[in-house]
Amino acid sequence: MATKSLSPVRRGSSRGVSGRDREERRLAFRMTAPSLVLMALVAAVPIGYALWLSLNQYSVRTAGLSRFVGLDNYIAALTGPHWWAAFGQTFLFAGLSVSLELVLGTAMALLLNLAFKGRALLRAVVLLPYAVVTVVSAITWETMFQPNLGLVTNVLSTLGLPGGDVVWLGEHGYAMAVIVLADVWKTTPFAALIILAGLQVISAETYEAAELDGASKWQAFLYVTLPLLRPAIVLAAIFRTMDALRVFDLPFVLTRGANGTESMSMLAYTELRENRLVGEGSALSILTFLTVMVVSVVYIRFAGGNIREVAKEEQ
């Protein structure tokens, strides 16, 4: 009898809880709906307009002269050499810069995580490059590699090292190296900041347990620190890869896309703004957007799954 009398109360209580949950979800949706709609419009309207422009061919010399060409602009881009050259150069830049930033960012985070006097000041100094405007950073690096005038070329010449008599921004390979170095200098602190946040989550008891098991410092780093840092490293890699694939300002300021440094975004800009080919430039912009989106989906699909698995293991 007692069991029978309690069961209706339990069912009624669970119905009440689920009803409250539904009401809270509806309230949350109603409160966030205006912001979500506004954000969708802000993102969708420019993308939709660019998509429409990419399906047309426009003349900037004759007012009102335009015609619908369908996918012709995309076919011309994908069958021509310029898009694939920019595609390869962009991925080369992203691969080199992101790899270096993750390695240096991890080393920098390990250093900043140590307890020593003046650590707060060092953290502030290390993060300064990330606060510098990218255009200002690019102009600085351009000055440093000027032939016979730049700091780097003068130092290399004085020490008798290779590269002292090279026009760095005017030769294939060297120009890409300068762009990669400029990006690594500026954005490594960003990766270090994310990885440092992951380091501070690791408890001291974990290292004490590894020490009791006889693990050396290097073994603790390989088998304790790195596995627990994986979510932070993956997160930093996602952010930096997405940003690197959209690079525009560094090659624009340093080389104007010459000597094998033209990125996808810069190619779209050149066609759209300088060559005044509105349809072709819009098609290249959409292709750049789709490339970044596909890479984002791949990252989230595979790397995001790894993050969830690590979180479950820690729980």
Protein backbone atom coordinates (compact mmCIF):
# COMPACT_ATOMS: atom_id res chain seq x y z
CA MET A 1 0.00 0.00 0.00
CA ALA A 2 2.80 2.36 0.83
CA THR A 3 4.43 1.72 -2.52
CA LYS A 4 1.18 2.31 -4.38
CA SER A 5 0.54 5.57 -2.54
CA LEU A 6 4.04 6.88 -3.29
CA SER A 7 4.14 6.10 -7.03
CA PRO A 8 1.58 8.72 -8.14
CA VAL A 9 3.47 11.38 -6.21
CA ARG A 10 6.72 10.37 -7.87
CA ARG A 11 5.17 10.43 -11.34
CA GLY A 12 3.53 13.77 -10.68
CA SER A 13 6.82 15.19 -9.38
CA SER A 14 8.69 14.04 -12.48
CA ARG A 15 6.01 15.55 -14.72
CA GLY A 16 6.35 18.80 -12.81
CA VAL A 17 10.13 18.85 -13.16
CA SER A 18 9.99 18.11 -16.90
CA GLY A 19 7.32 20.79 -17.31
CA ARG A 20 9.53 23.33 -15.54
CA ASP A 21 12.44 22.33 -17.77
CA ARG A 22 10.34 22.87 -20.88
CA GLU A 23 9.20 26.26 -19.61
CA GLU A 24 12.78 27.29 -18.83
CA ARG A 25 13.90 26.24 -22.30
CA ARG A 26 11.08 28.17 -23.93
CA LEU A 27 11.92 31.22 -21.83
CA ALA A 28 15.62 30.93 -22.73
CA PHE A 29 14.74 30.62 -26.42
CA ARG A 30 12.43 33.66 -26.31
CA MET A 31 15.09 35.73 -24.57
CA THR A 32 17.91 34.76 -26.93
CA ALA A 33 15.88 34.65 -30.15
CA PRO A 34 16.29 38.37 -31.02
CA SER A 35 20.08 38.18 -30.62
CA LEU A 36 20.25 34.93 -32.59
CA VAL A 37 18.17 36.41 -35.42
CA LEU A 38 20.33 39.55 -35.49
CA MET A 39 23.55 37.51 -35.54
CA ALA A 40 22.16 35.30 -38.32
CA LEU A 41 21.23 38.36 -40.40
CA VAL A 42 24.62 40.00 -39.86
CA ALA A 43 26.34 36.82 -41.08
CA ALA A 44 23.85 35.68 -43.70
CA VAL A 45 23.22 38.94 -45.58
CA PRO A 46 26.85 39.59 -46.65
CA ILE A 47 27.40 35.91 -47.47
CA GLY A 48 24.17 35.75 -49.45
CA TYR A 49 24.98 38.93 -51.34
CA ALA A 50 28.51 37.69 -52.14
CA LEU A 51 27.02 34.40 -53.34
CA TRP A 52 24.63 36.26 -55.65
CA LEU A 53 27.45 38.44 -57.01
CA SER A 54 29.56 35.35 -57.67
CA LEU A 55 26.85 33.99 -59.99
CA ASN A 56 26.91 37.12 -62.15
CA GLN A 57 29.34 39.00 -64.30
CA TYR A 58 29.47 42.76 -63.83
CA SER A 59 31.02 45.59 -65.76
CA VAL A 60 32.34 48.54 -63.77
CA ARG A 61 32.85 50.57 -66.93
CA THR A 62 29.30 50.42 -68.29
CA ALA A 63 26.59 51.22 -65.76
CA GLY A 64 23.86 48.60 -65.47
CA LEU A 65 25.63 46.11 -67.70
CA SER A 66 25.57 42.72 -66.04
CA ARG A 67 24.53 39.18 -66.84
CA PHE A 68 23.84 35.96 -65.01
CA VAL A 69 26.57 33.40 -65.67
CA GLY A 70 25.74 30.71 -63.10
CA LEU A 71 28.77 28.71 -62.04
CA ASP A 72 31.06 30.04 -64.78
CA ASN A 73 33.06 32.15 -62.32
CA TYR A 74 33.66 29.13 -60.09
CA ILE A 75 34.60 26.92 -63.03
CA ALA A 76 37.06 29.54 -64.28
CA ALA A 77 38.63 29.82 -60.82
CA LEU A 78 38.89 26.07 -60.22
CA THR A 79 40.28 25.31 -63.68
CA GLY A 80 42.78 28.17 -63.66
CA PRO A 81 46.24 28.17 -62.07
CA HIS A 82 45.86 31.20 -59.80
CA TRP A 83 43.37 29.75 -57.30
CA TRP A 84 45.31 26.52 -56.76
CA ALA A 85 48.59 28.40 -56.41
CA ALA A 86 47.06 30.65 -53.73
CA PHE A 87 45.42 27.59 -52.14
CA GLY A 88 48.75 25.79 -51.82
CA GLN A 89 50.60 28.86 -50.58
CA THR A 90 47.95 29.55 -47.95
CA PHE A 91 48.06 25.99 -46.60
CA LEU A 92 51.86 26.04 -46.62
CA PHE A 93 51.82 29.24 -44.59
CA ALA A 94 49.19 27.85 -42.20
CA GLY A 95 51.04 24.56 -41.70
CA LEU A 96 54.40 26.19 -41.00
CA SER A 97 53.15 29.01 -38.79
CA VAL A 98 50.67 26.98 -36.72
CA SER A 99 53.19 24.17 -36.12
CA LEU A 100 55.85 26.60 -34.92
CA GLU A 101 53.35 28.51 -32.79
CA LEU A 102 52.15 25.37 -31.03
CA VAL A 103 55.69 24.19 -30.26
CA LEU A 104 56.91 27.60 -29.11
CA GLY A 105 53.62 28.33 -27.35
CA THR A 106 53.89 25.11 -25.34
CA ALA A 107 57.48 25.93 -24.34
CA MET A 108 56.48 29.46 -23.43
CA ALA A 109 53.51 28.25 -21.38
CA LEU A 110 55.71 25.80 -19.46
CA LEU A 111 58.10 28.65 -18.65
CA LEU A 112 55.33 31.01 -17.56
CA ASN A 113 53.80 28.30 -15.38
CA LEU A 114 56.92 28.08 -13.21
CA ALA A 115 56.95 29.85 -9.86
CA PHE A 116 59.64 32.54 -9.80
CA LYS A 117 60.01 36.17 -8.87
CA GLY A 118 58.79 38.54 -11.58
CA ARG A 119 56.56 35.97 -13.25
CA ALA A 120 53.65 38.41 -13.59
CA LEU A 121 55.88 40.97 -15.33
CA LEU A 122 57.25 38.33 -17.70
CA ARG A 123 53.73 37.22 -18.63
CA ALA A 124 52.79 40.80 -19.47
CA VAL A 125 55.93 41.27 -21.59
CA VAL A 126 55.43 37.99 -23.44
CA LEU A 127 51.87 38.93 -24.37
CA LEU A 128 52.85 42.33 -25.79
CA PRO A 129 53.42 41.15 -29.40
CA TYR A 130 49.83 39.90 -29.60
CA ALA A 131 48.60 43.38 -28.66
CA VAL A 132 50.47 44.99 -31.57
CA VAL A 133 48.33 45.75 -34.64
CA THR A 134 49.18 43.32 -37.43
CA VAL A 135 49.88 46.05 -39.98
CA VAL A 136 52.33 47.75 -37.59
CA SER A 137 54.01 44.39 -36.97
CA ALA A 138 54.29 43.75 -40.73
CA ILE A 139 55.87 47.17 -41.35
CA THR A 140 58.39 46.50 -38.57
CA TRP A 141 59.38 43.14 -40.06
CA GLU A 142 59.62 44.69 -43.53
CA THR A 143 62.07 47.27 -42.16
CA MET A 144 64.13 44.60 -40.40
CA PHE A 145 64.69 42.69 -43.65
CA GLN A 146 65.46 45.64 -45.92
CA PRO A 147 68.69 45.02 -47.93
CA ASN A 148 71.72 46.85 -46.45
CA LEU A 149 69.49 48.76 -44.03
CA GLY A 150 67.54 46.22 -42.01
CA LEU A 151 68.62 44.93 -38.63
CA VAL A 152 68.51 41.26 -39.64
CA THR A 153 70.44 41.68 -42.90
CA ASN A 154 73.09 43.82 -41.20
CA VAL A 155 73.56 41.32 -38.38
CA LEU A 156 73.84 38.41 -40.83
CA SER A 157 76.35 40.33 -42.95
CA THR A 158 78.44 41.33 -39.94
CA LEU A 159 78.61 37.76 -38.66
CA GLY A 160 79.31 36.38 -42.13
CA LEU A 161 76.22 34.17 -42.05
CA PRO A 162 74.15 33.16 -45.08
CA GLY A 163 71.33 35.55 -45.94
CA GLY A 164 73.15 38.79 -45.37
CA ASP A 165 73.19 39.66 -49.08
CA VAL A 166 69.74 38.24 -49.87
CA VAL A 167 66.75 40.38 -50.81
CA TRP A 168 64.48 38.49 -48.46
CA LEU A 169 61.16 39.96 -49.58
CA GLY A 170 62.10 39.76 -53.23
CA GLU A 171 62.97 36.07 -53.58
CA HIS A 172 60.75 33.01 -53.59
CA GLY A 173 60.98 31.04 -50.35
CA TYR A 174 62.69 33.81 -48.42
CA ALA A 175 59.59 36.01 -48.67
CA MET A 176 57.40 33.22 -47.29
CA ALA A 177 59.91 32.69 -44.46
CA VAL A 178 59.61 36.36 -43.43
CA ILE A 179 55.80 36.18 -43.43
CA VAL A 180 55.85 33.01 -41.33
CA LEU A 181 58.32 34.55 -38.86
CA ALA A 182 56.21 37.70 -38.56
CA ASP A 183 53.08 35.64 -37.86
CA VAL A 184 54.85 33.38 -35.36
CA TRP A 185 56.26 36.38 -33.48
CA LYS A 186 52.84 38.01 -33.20
CA THR A 187 50.51 35.10 -32.47
CA THR A 188 52.62 32.64 -30.46
CA PRO A 189 51.61 34.47 -27.24
CA PHE A 190 47.96 33.70 -28.08
CA ALA A 191 48.70 29.97 -28.29
CA ALA A 192 50.79 30.20 -25.13
CA LEU A 193 47.92 31.85 -23.27
CA ILE A 194 45.49 29.03 -24.13
CA ILE A 195 48.03 26.32 -23.29
CA LEU A 196 48.94 28.08 -20.05
CA ALA A 197 45.29 27.95 -19.03
CA GLY A 198 45.36 24.20 -19.66
CA LEU A 199 48.52 23.82 -17.58
CA GLN A 200 47.01 25.56 -14.60
CA VAL A 201 44.15 23.04 -14.52
CA ILE A 202 46.56 20.14 -13.94
CA SER A 203 46.78 19.52 -10.20
CA ALA A 204 50.04 19.21 -8.31
CA GLU A 205 48.88 15.84 -6.94
CA THR A 206 49.12 14.39 -10.46
CA TYR A 207 52.81 15.20 -10.64
CA GLU A 208 53.37 13.96 -7.09
CA ALA A 209 51.81 10.63 -8.03
CA ALA A 210 54.03 10.40 -11.12
CA GLU A 211 57.09 11.19 -8.99
CA LEU A 212 56.17 8.49 -6.50
CA ASP A 213 55.94 6.03 -9.40
CA GLY A 214 59.55 6.87 -10.26
CA ALA A 215 58.89 9.04 -13.33
CA SER A 216 61.59 11.52 -14.29
CA LYS A 217 60.85 15.12 -15.28
CA TRP A 218 60.96 14.21 -18.97
CA GLN A 219 58.72 11.17 -18.48
CA ALA A 220 56.25 13.25 -16.48
CA PHE A 221 56.16 15.76 -19.34
CA LEU A 222 55.62 13.07 -21.99
CA TYR A 223 53.13 10.87 -20.17
CA VAL A 224 51.37 13.32 -17.84
CA THR A 225 51.62 16.90 -19.07
CA LEU A 226 51.20 16.41 -22.82
CA PRO A 227 48.18 14.05 -22.62
CA LEU A 228 46.40 16.38 -20.18
CA LEU A 229 47.30 19.39 -22.34
CA ARG A 230 45.82 17.85 -25.47
CA PRO A 231 42.45 19.67 -25.25
CA ALA A 232 44.17 23.05 -24.82
CA ILE A 233 46.62 22.36 -27.66
CA VAL A 234 43.81 21.25 -29.97
CA LEU A 235 41.81 24.36 -29.10
CA ALA A 236 44.80 26.60 -29.86
CA ALA A 237 45.37 24.73 -33.14
CA ILE A 238 41.75 25.24 -34.19
CA PHE A 239 41.78 28.98 -33.54
CA ARG A 240 45.16 29.54 -35.14
CA THR A 241 44.48 27.40 -38.22
CA MET A 242 41.22 29.21 -38.94
CA ASP A 243 42.98 32.54 -38.60
CA ALA A 244 45.98 31.49 -40.70
CA LEU A 245 43.81 30.27 -43.58
CA ARG A 246 42.23 33.73 -43.77
CA VAL A 247 45.57 35.58 -43.72
CA PHE A 248 45.57 38.80 -45.71
CA ASP A 249 47.34 41.67 -43.95
CA LEU A 250 50.83 40.17 -43.65
CA PRO A 251 51.34 39.26 -47.34
CA PHE A 252 49.56 42.44 -48.39
CA VAL A 253 51.93 44.71 -46.47
CA LEU A 254 55.14 42.71 -46.87
CA THR A 255 55.06 41.48 -50.47
CA ARG A 256 51.76 42.44 -52.12
CA GLY A 257 51.42 38.72 -52.87
CA ALA A 258 54.58 38.54 -54.99
CA ASN A 259 57.18 35.76 -54.95
CA GLY A 260 54.85 32.92 -54.03
CA THR A 261 53.12 34.57 -51.08
CA GLU A 262 49.63 35.32 -52.43
CA SER A 263 46.98 33.91 -50.10
CA MET A 264 43.40 32.97 -50.98
CA SER A 265 42.03 36.11 -49.33
CA MET A 266 44.54 38.30 -51.14
CA LEU A 267 43.73 36.75 -54.51
CA ALA A 268 40.05 37.49 -53.94
CA TYR A 269 40.90 41.06 -52.96
CA THR A 270 43.07 41.56 -56.06
CA GLU A 271 40.33 40.35 -58.39
CA LEU A 272 37.58 42.27 -56.63
CA ARG A 273 39.20 45.60 -55.79
CA GLU A 274 42.18 46.04 -58.09
CA ASN A 275 41.08 44.21 -61.24
CA ARG A 276 37.45 45.29 -60.70
CA LEU A 277 36.14 41.82 -61.52
CA VAL A 278 33.21 41.76 -59.13
CA GLY A 279 31.80 38.36 -60.06
CA GLU A 280 35.16 36.60 -60.20
CA GLY A 281 36.35 38.19 -56.96
CA SER A 282 33.12 37.24 -55.18
CA ALA A 283 33.48 33.63 -56.40
CA LEU A 284 37.01 33.52 -54.97
CA SER A 285 35.71 34.93 -51.67
CA ILE A 286 33.06 32.22 -51.48
CA LEU A 287 35.66 29.55 -52.27
CA THR A 288 37.85 30.89 -49.47
CA PHE A 289 34.88 30.84 -47.10
CA LEU A 290 34.01 27.25 -48.07
CA THR A 291 37.63 26.14 -47.62
CA VAL A 292 37.82 27.57 -44.10
CA MET A 293 34.40 26.11 -43.26
CA VAL A 294 35.39 22.61 -44.44
CA VAL A 295 38.60 22.71 -42.41
CA SER A 296 36.58 23.92 -39.40
CA VAL A 297 34.13 21.03 -39.73
CA VAL A 298 36.99 18.52 -40.01
CA TYR A 299 38.66 19.97 -36.92
CA ILE A 300 35.45 19.93 -34.90
CA ARG A 301 34.53 16.44 -36.11
CA PHE A 302 37.82 14.78 -35.25
CA ALA A 303 39.62 17.04 -32.76
CA GLY A 304 36.37 17.91 -30.98
CA GLY A 305 35.70 14.22 -30.44
CA ASN A 306 39.14 13.82 -28.88
CA ILE A 307 38.42 16.66 -26.47
CA ARG A 308 35.17 15.03 -25.39
CA GLU A 309 36.92 11.68 -24.85
CA VAL A 310 39.59 13.33 -22.68
CA ALA A 311 36.91 15.09 -20.63
CA LYS A 312 35.13 11.78 -20.03
CA GLU A 313 38.37 10.08 -19.01
CA GLU A 314 39.11 12.84 -16.49
CA GLN A 315 35.62 12.52 -15.02
